[in-house]
Amino acid sequence: HNVAKTESSPVSYLERVVESFTTSGYIITRNCAKALLDRWKESVELLQQEEKETGKKTHKYMLDVYWTKILEDYKAFCFKTRIGYQRASYSDLQMKYTDYKA
């Protein structure tokens, strides 16, 4: 996970996610899942609209950034210790080879 800010949680091996820039490795509630799906749909629309108008996609509408707004209203948790990594590969969102472990 690429978590920018966390808070402690009642569970010793979990942290509450306050701000994050990736969408992998979180535990969320069923209610949060619906809000997350709605946010992602909105993100896709905004990215498509922005690309149509400007020819570019800005980072603020990319899924892994745009979703973090819901963390103000819903609790999401991540493991304190990483249990997996995104493999290095080409990012369609960033339009370049990306290695988050580097």
Protein backbone atom coordinates (compact mmCIF):
# COMPACT_ATOMS: atom_id res chain seq x y z
CA HIS A 1 0.00 0.00 0.00
CA ASN A 2 1.04 3.57 -0.59
CA VAL A 3 -0.51 5.15 2.47
CA ALA A 4 0.27 8.80 3.14
CA LYS A 5 -1.41 9.08 6.55
CA THR A 6 -2.85 6.60 9.05
CA GLU A 7 -4.27 6.52 12.56
CA SER A 8 -4.16 3.73 15.10
CA SER A 9 -6.99 1.21 15.24
CA PRO A 10 -8.34 -1.07 17.98
CA VAL A 11 -6.78 -4.03 16.13
CA SER A 12 -3.03 -4.32 16.74
CA TYR A 13 -2.09 -5.35 13.18
CA LEU A 14 -4.31 -2.81 11.36
CA GLU A 15 -4.19 0.95 10.87
CA ARG A 16 -7.02 3.28 9.86
CA VAL A 17 -6.30 4.86 6.49
CA VAL A 18 -6.72 8.65 6.52
CA GLU A 19 -5.02 9.49 3.22
CA SER A 20 -3.75 7.18 0.52
CA PHE A 21 -2.64 7.26 -3.11
CA THR A 22 -3.31 3.69 -4.13
CA THR A 23 -6.35 1.45 -4.18
CA SER A 24 -4.81 -1.85 -3.16
CA GLY A 25 -4.87 -3.77 0.10
CA TYR A 26 -7.65 -2.19 2.15
CA ILE A 27 -10.46 -3.58 4.26
CA ILE A 28 -13.69 -1.61 3.81
CA THR A 29 -17.31 -1.98 4.89
CA ARG A 30 -20.17 -2.88 2.55
CA ASN A 31 -21.48 0.70 2.78
CA CYS A 32 -18.08 2.06 1.87
CA ALA A 33 -17.93 -0.28 -1.14
CA LYS A 34 -20.99 1.39 -2.68
CA ALA A 35 -19.57 4.87 -2.07
CA LEU A 36 -16.26 3.72 -3.53
CA LEU A 37 -17.90 2.38 -6.68
CA ASP A 38 -19.84 5.63 -7.11
CA ARG A 39 -16.62 7.62 -6.65
CA TRP A 40 -14.80 5.51 -9.23
CA LYS A 41 -17.58 5.97 -11.79
CA GLU A 42 -17.41 9.71 -11.18
CA SER A 43 -13.63 9.60 -11.58
CA VAL A 44 -13.89 7.87 -14.97
CA GLU A 45 -16.38 10.46 -16.19
CA LEU A 46 -14.19 13.35 -15.04
CA LEU A 47 -11.05 11.83 -16.60
CA GLN A 48 -12.85 11.31 -19.92
CA GLN A 49 -14.31 14.82 -19.85
CA GLU A 50 -10.95 16.37 -18.97
CA GLU A 51 -9.12 14.43 -21.67
CA LYS A 52 -11.75 15.46 -24.24
CA GLU A 53 -11.47 19.13 -23.24
CA THR A 54 -7.71 19.44 -22.66
CA GLY A 55 -6.12 16.36 -24.21
CA LYS A 56 -4.65 15.47 -20.80
CA LYS A 57 -5.56 13.54 -17.67
CA THR A 58 -4.55 15.19 -14.41
CA HIS A 59 -3.57 13.19 -11.39
CA LYS A 60 -6.39 14.58 -9.22
CA TYR A 61 -9.04 12.57 -11.10
CA MET A 62 -7.11 9.30 -11.29
CA LEU A 63 -8.82 6.50 -9.40
CA ASP A 64 -6.08 5.97 -6.84
CA VAL A 65 -6.17 9.65 -5.81
CA TYR A 66 -9.81 10.64 -6.37
CA TRP A 67 -11.21 7.92 -4.10
CA THR A 68 -9.50 9.23 -0.95
CA LYS A 69 -12.22 11.84 -0.37
CA ILE A 70 -14.54 9.10 0.94
CA LEU A 71 -12.08 8.33 3.74
CA GLU A 72 -13.49 11.35 5.57
CA ASP A 73 -16.86 9.60 5.85
CA TYR A 74 -15.99 5.89 5.85
CA LYS A 75 -13.41 3.88 7.71
CA ALA A 76 -10.85 1.96 5.67
CA PHE A 77 -8.08 -0.14 7.17
CA CYS A 78 -4.79 -1.53 5.97
CA PHE A 79 -2.34 -3.99 7.44
CA LYS A 80 0.58 -2.34 9.30
CA THR A 81 2.94 -4.69 7.50
CA ARG A 82 2.60 -5.02 3.75
CA ILE A 83 1.26 -8.38 2.68
CA GLY A 84 1.78 -7.82 -1.04
CA TYR A 85 3.14 -5.46 -3.65
CA GLN A 86 2.03 -4.20 -7.01
CA ARG A 87 4.49 -5.59 -9.51
CA ALA A 88 6.45 -3.17 -11.63
CA SER A 89 4.66 -2.65 -14.94
CA TYR A 90 3.26 -0.13 -17.39
CA SER A 91 0.65 2.16 -15.80
CA ASP A 92 -2.27 3.02 -18.06
CA LEU A 93 -3.14 5.89 -15.72
CA GLN A 94 0.33 7.42 -15.61
CA MET A 95 1.14 6.28 -19.16
CA LYS A 96 4.62 5.12 -18.16
CA TYR A 97 6.49 2.21 -16.58
CA THR A 98 5.96 2.38 -12.80
CA ASP A 99 7.75 0.59 -9.96
CA TYR A 100 6.37 1.44 -6.53
CA LYS A 101 9.04 -0.56 -4.73
CA ALA A 102 11.84 1.56 -6.21
